[in-house]
N, C-alpha and C. Protein backbone atom coordinates (compact mmCIF):
# COMPACT_ATOMS: atom_id res chain seq x y z
N TRP A 1 -29.32 -26.51 -24.67
CA TRP A 1 -28.41 -27.13 -23.33
C TRP A 1 -28.69 -27.62 -22.22
N ASP A 2 -28.12 -28.57 -21.80
CA ASP A 2 -28.21 -29.11 -20.84
C ASP A 2 -26.90 -29.48 -19.74
N LEU A 3 -27.49 -28.35 -18.39
CA LEU A 3 -26.51 -28.15 -17.96
C LEU A 3 -26.11 -28.25 -16.39
N SER A 4 -25.07 -28.43 -15.83
CA SER A 4 -25.60 -29.64 -14.32
C SER A 4 -23.58 -29.09 -14.29
N LEU A 5 -23.51 -28.54 -12.72
CA LEU A 5 -22.89 -28.52 -12.29
C LEU A 5 -21.66 -29.93 -11.36
N SER A 6 -20.85 -30.08 -12.02
CA SER A 6 -19.76 -31.18 -12.44
C SER A 6 -18.74 -30.93 -10.75
N ALA A 7 -18.75 -29.90 -10.92
CA ALA A 7 -17.29 -29.94 -9.33
C ALA A 7 -16.91 -28.68 -9.27
N VAL A 8 -16.32 -28.89 -8.71
CA VAL A 8 -16.04 -26.57 -7.83
C VAL A 8 -14.93 -26.67 -7.41
N VAL A 9 -13.75 -25.42 -8.90
CA VAL A 9 -13.02 -25.80 -8.18
C VAL A 9 -12.75 -23.66 -6.52
N SER A 10 -12.32 -24.45 -6.91
CA SER A 10 -11.61 -23.42 -5.45
C SER A 10 -10.47 -23.27 -4.45
N SER A 11 -9.96 -22.02 -4.05
CA SER A 11 -8.91 -21.77 -4.21
C SER A 11 -8.41 -21.72 -2.61
N ALA A 12 -7.44 -22.58 -2.39
CA ALA A 12 -6.65 -23.01 -0.85
C ALA A 12 -6.68 -20.83 0.38
N SER A 13 -5.89 -20.60 -0.26
CA SER A 13 -6.37 -19.21 0.41
C SER A 13 -7.44 -18.58 0.43
N THR A 14 -7.47 -17.55 1.18
CA THR A 14 -8.35 -17.04 2.09
C THR A 14 -8.63 -15.08 1.03
N GLY A 15 -7.42 -15.03 0.76
CA GLY A 15 -7.01 -13.86 -0.73
C GLY A 15 -8.21 -13.57 -1.78
N SER A 16 -8.07 -12.86 -2.41
CA SER A 16 -9.29 -13.02 -3.33
C SER A 16 -8.25 -13.33 -3.70
N ASP A 17 -9.31 -14.65 -4.67
CA ASP A 17 -8.77 -15.45 -6.39
C ASP A 17 -9.78 -15.61 -7.31
N ALA A 18 -10.49 -14.63 -8.08
CA ALA A 18 -11.96 -14.84 -8.66
C ALA A 18 -11.21 -15.09 -9.54
N ILE A 19 -11.48 -16.13 -10.48
CA ILE A 19 -11.74 -16.49 -11.83
C ILE A 19 -12.23 -15.62 -12.80
N GLY A 20 -11.19 -15.85 -14.02
CA GLY A 20 -11.61 -14.93 -15.15
C GLY A 20 -11.30 -15.09 -16.07
N ALA A 21 -10.73 -16.24 -16.25
CA ALA A 21 -11.03 -17.48 -17.75
C ALA A 21 -10.93 -18.73 -17.60
N ILE A 22 -11.02 -19.29 -17.84
CA ILE A 22 -11.42 -20.96 -18.17
C ILE A 22 -11.12 -21.46 -20.11
N GLU A 23 -10.31 -22.51 -19.82
CA GLU A 23 -10.07 -22.77 -21.25
C GLU A 23 -9.72 -23.82 -21.14
N PHE A 24 -10.21 -25.40 -22.40
CA PHE A 24 -10.01 -27.19 -21.89
C PHE A 24 -8.65 -26.68 -23.21
N ASP A 25 -8.00 -27.20 -23.05
CA ASP A 25 -6.80 -27.50 -23.62
C ASP A 25 -7.43 -28.47 -25.22
N PRO A 26 -6.03 -29.11 -26.43
CA PRO A 26 -6.92 -28.75 -27.34
C PRO A 26 -8.16 -30.92 -27.43
N SER A 27 -7.41 -31.43 -26.17
CA SER A 27 -7.73 -32.80 -25.69
C SER A 27 -8.56 -33.12 -24.82
N GLY A 28 -9.04 -31.59 -24.24
CA GLY A 28 -10.42 -31.96 -23.20
C GLY A 28 -10.13 -32.66 -21.79
N GLU A 29 -8.92 -32.83 -21.38
CA GLU A 29 -8.46 -33.31 -20.52
C GLU A 29 -7.25 -32.85 -19.83
N ILE A 30 -6.97 -31.70 -19.98
CA ILE A 30 -6.84 -30.37 -19.19
C ILE A 30 -7.27 -29.28 -19.08
N LEU A 31 -7.54 -28.23 -18.32
CA LEU A 31 -7.97 -27.03 -17.35
C LEU A 31 -7.80 -26.82 -16.80
N ALA A 32 -7.33 -25.17 -17.82
CA ALA A 32 -5.95 -23.74 -17.05
C ALA A 32 -7.35 -22.58 -16.96
N THR A 33 -7.45 -22.02 -15.51
CA THR A 33 -7.53 -20.91 -14.91
C THR A 33 -6.89 -19.82 -14.63
N GLY A 34 -7.22 -18.95 -14.91
CA GLY A 34 -6.37 -17.39 -14.78
C GLY A 34 -7.06 -16.51 -13.85
N GLY A 35 -7.24 -15.74 -13.27
CA GLY A 35 -7.52 -14.31 -13.18
C GLY A 35 -6.50 -13.76 -11.59
N ILE A 36 -7.66 -12.62 -11.07
CA ILE A 36 -7.00 -11.47 -10.17
C ILE A 36 -5.82 -12.21 -9.07
N ALA A 37 -5.94 -13.02 -8.94
CA ALA A 37 -4.50 -13.79 -7.56
C ALA A 37 -3.10 -13.62 -9.30
N ARG A 38 -3.37 -13.12 -10.30
CA ARG A 38 -2.05 -13.47 -11.16
C ARG A 38 -1.77 -14.69 -11.80
N LYS A 39 -2.62 -15.65 -11.47
CA LYS A 39 -1.39 -17.73 -11.25
C LYS A 39 -2.51 -18.18 -12.32
N ILE A 40 -1.85 -19.19 -13.26
CA ILE A 40 -2.56 -19.74 -14.57
C ILE A 40 -2.35 -21.01 -13.40
N ARG A 41 -3.05 -21.93 -13.11
CA ARG A 41 -4.04 -23.09 -12.60
C ARG A 41 -3.70 -24.22 -13.75
N SER A 42 -3.43 -25.46 -14.23
CA SER A 42 -4.14 -26.10 -14.75
C SER A 42 -4.37 -27.26 -14.23
N TYR A 43 -5.33 -27.81 -14.22
CA TYR A 43 -5.61 -29.65 -13.68
C TYR A 43 -5.96 -30.46 -14.38
N ARG A 44 -6.14 -31.57 -14.27
CA ARG A 44 -5.90 -32.72 -15.10
C ARG A 44 -8.00 -32.79 -15.06
N LEU A 45 -8.69 -32.22 -15.46
CA LEU A 45 -10.49 -32.77 -15.71
C LEU A 45 -11.17 -34.05 -14.88
N SER A 46 -10.32 -35.28 -15.20
CA SER A 46 -11.01 -36.11 -14.32
C SER A 46 -10.88 -36.33 -13.02
N SER A 47 -9.36 -35.56 -12.39
CA SER A 47 -9.09 -35.12 -11.14
C SER A 47 -10.26 -34.63 -9.91
N LEU A 48 -10.81 -33.27 -10.99
CA LEU A 48 -12.02 -32.76 -10.95
C LEU A 48 -13.43 -33.26 -10.34
N LEU A 49 -13.46 -34.05 -11.95
CA LEU A 49 -15.38 -35.02 -11.54
C LEU A 49 -15.36 -35.93 -10.26
N GLU A 50 -13.61 -36.44 -9.66
CA GLU A 50 -13.78 -37.30 -8.54
C GLU A 50 -14.80 -36.77 -8.01
N SER A 51 -15.39 -37.76 -5.90
CA SER A 51 -16.51 -37.47 -5.77
C SER A 51 -15.39 -36.62 -4.76
N SER A 52 -14.40 -36.18 -4.39
CA SER A 52 -13.60 -35.60 -3.59
C SER A 52 -12.03 -35.12 -3.40
N PRO A 53 -12.44 -34.20 -4.79
CA PRO A 53 -11.02 -34.05 -5.04
C PRO A 53 -10.19 -32.74 -4.12
N SER A 54 -8.89 -33.26 -3.77
CA SER A 54 -8.36 -32.21 -2.83
C SER A 54 -8.22 -30.78 -3.28
N ARG A 55 -7.73 -30.09 -2.47
CA ARG A 55 -7.56 -28.34 -2.60
C ARG A 55 -6.11 -28.16 -3.40
N ASP A 56 -5.45 -29.12 -3.47
CA ASP A 56 -3.63 -28.70 -4.18
C ASP A 56 -3.99 -29.73 -5.42
N ASP A 57 -4.90 -30.05 -5.52
CA ASP A 57 -5.01 -31.05 -7.17
C ASP A 57 -4.49 -30.72 -8.69
N HIS A 58 -3.95 -28.92 -8.44
CA HIS A 58 -3.89 -28.74 -9.57
C HIS A 58 -2.17 -29.32 -9.76
N LEU A 59 -2.14 -29.20 -11.41
CA LEU A 59 -0.74 -30.11 -12.23
C LEU A 59 0.04 -28.62 -12.42
N SER A 60 0.28 -27.72 -12.62
CA SER A 60 0.72 -26.81 -12.63
C SER A 60 0.64 -25.38 -12.02
N CYS A 61 1.78 -23.73 -11.58
CA CYS A 61 1.03 -22.90 -11.23
C CYS A 61 1.71 -21.99 -11.72
N ILE A 62 1.74 -21.04 -12.70
CA ILE A 62 2.51 -19.92 -13.37
C ILE A 62 2.17 -19.20 -12.56
N CYS A 63 2.70 -18.29 -11.74
CA CYS A 63 2.57 -17.26 -11.56
C CYS A 63 3.14 -16.23 -12.82
N THR A 64 2.24 -15.18 -13.00
CA THR A 64 2.74 -14.04 -13.63
C THR A 64 2.69 -12.00 -13.33
N PRO A 65 2.96 -11.87 -13.65
CA PRO A 65 2.87 -10.62 -13.36
C PRO A 65 1.62 -9.41 -13.56
N ALA A 66 1.24 -10.00 -14.06
CA ALA A 66 -0.53 -8.88 -14.07
C ALA A 66 -1.38 -9.95 -14.06
N LYS A 67 -2.92 -8.94 -13.57
CA LYS A 67 -3.84 -9.85 -13.49
C LYS A 67 -4.61 -10.87 -14.56
N LEU A 68 -4.83 -11.90 -15.56
CA LEU A 68 -5.23 -12.84 -16.57
C LEU A 68 -6.75 -12.47 -16.95
N SER A 69 -7.25 -12.17 -18.04
CA SER A 69 -8.46 -12.11 -18.71
C SER A 69 -8.78 -12.69 -19.44
N SER A 70 -7.54 -14.14 -19.80
CA SER A 70 -8.48 -14.86 -20.42
C SER A 70 -7.12 -15.82 -20.85
N LEU A 71 -6.93 -16.96 -21.39
CA LEU A 71 -6.35 -18.10 -21.66
C LEU A 71 -6.29 -18.15 -22.92
N LYS A 72 -5.59 -19.38 -23.39
CA LYS A 72 -5.75 -19.89 -25.00
C LYS A 72 -4.43 -20.70 -25.03
N TRP A 73 -4.87 -21.81 -24.96
CA TRP A 73 -4.10 -23.00 -25.24
C TRP A 73 -3.70 -23.26 -26.55
N ARG A 74 -2.91 -23.61 -27.10
CA ARG A 74 -1.92 -23.80 -29.02
C ARG A 74 -3.03 -24.83 -29.39
N PRO A 75 -3.22 -24.75 -30.42
CA PRO A 75 -4.58 -25.57 -31.03
C PRO A 75 -3.95 -26.83 -31.81
N ASP A 76 -2.65 -27.45 -31.73
CA ASP A 76 -2.88 -28.37 -32.16
C ASP A 76 -1.29 -29.09 -30.70
N LEU A 77 -1.70 -30.21 -31.15
CA LEU A 77 -1.37 -31.35 -29.51
C LEU A 77 0.03 -31.46 -29.74
N ALA A 78 1.08 -30.69 -30.29
CA ALA A 78 2.26 -30.92 -30.64
C ALA A 78 3.14 -30.58 -29.17
N GLY A 79 2.21 -29.08 -28.07
CA GLY A 79 3.43 -29.69 -27.31
C GLY A 79 1.73 -28.41 -26.50
N ARG A 80 1.80 -28.46 -25.11
CA ARG A 80 1.52 -28.08 -24.16
C ARG A 80 1.38 -27.06 -24.33
N VAL A 81 0.85 -25.66 -24.92
CA VAL A 81 1.07 -23.84 -24.42
C VAL A 81 0.72 -23.23 -24.61
N ILE A 82 0.74 -22.38 -23.65
CA ILE A 82 -0.43 -21.72 -23.24
C ILE A 82 -0.45 -20.14 -23.35
N GLY A 83 -1.44 -19.60 -23.75
CA GLY A 83 -0.87 -18.20 -24.28
C GLY A 83 -2.08 -17.51 -22.92
N SER A 84 -1.35 -15.83 -22.09
CA SER A 84 -2.42 -15.20 -21.44
C SER A 84 -2.28 -13.84 -22.35
N GLY A 85 -3.89 -13.38 -21.49
CA GLY A 85 -3.55 -11.83 -21.54
C GLY A 85 -4.16 -10.87 -20.16
N ASP A 86 -3.95 -10.12 -20.27
CA ASP A 86 -3.83 -8.87 -18.82
C ASP A 86 -5.50 -8.50 -19.44
N TYR A 87 -5.31 -7.12 -17.91
CA TYR A 87 -6.47 -5.89 -19.06
C TYR A 87 -6.65 -5.49 -18.84
N ASP A 88 -5.15 -4.64 -19.14
CA ASP A 88 -4.43 -3.33 -20.41
C ASP A 88 -3.93 -3.35 -21.60
């Protein structure tokens, strides 16, 4: 594999926001992240690969009651549905 850094996804806040899960949707166009900040953020991959993405470039942000350890998109393209799991 030939891996290289193409984008950095950073938090706009100064609080702890470590990413614990990253998942691409079935089309490969949308990327979702989740972690200890208890938020699922989705991004359009093309916006992350721009030369200077803004800090608030996420498509949506879903607040959850627990820290996230896993994400999984629904496998078909009938709808963009994502599931999540926590550490418990």
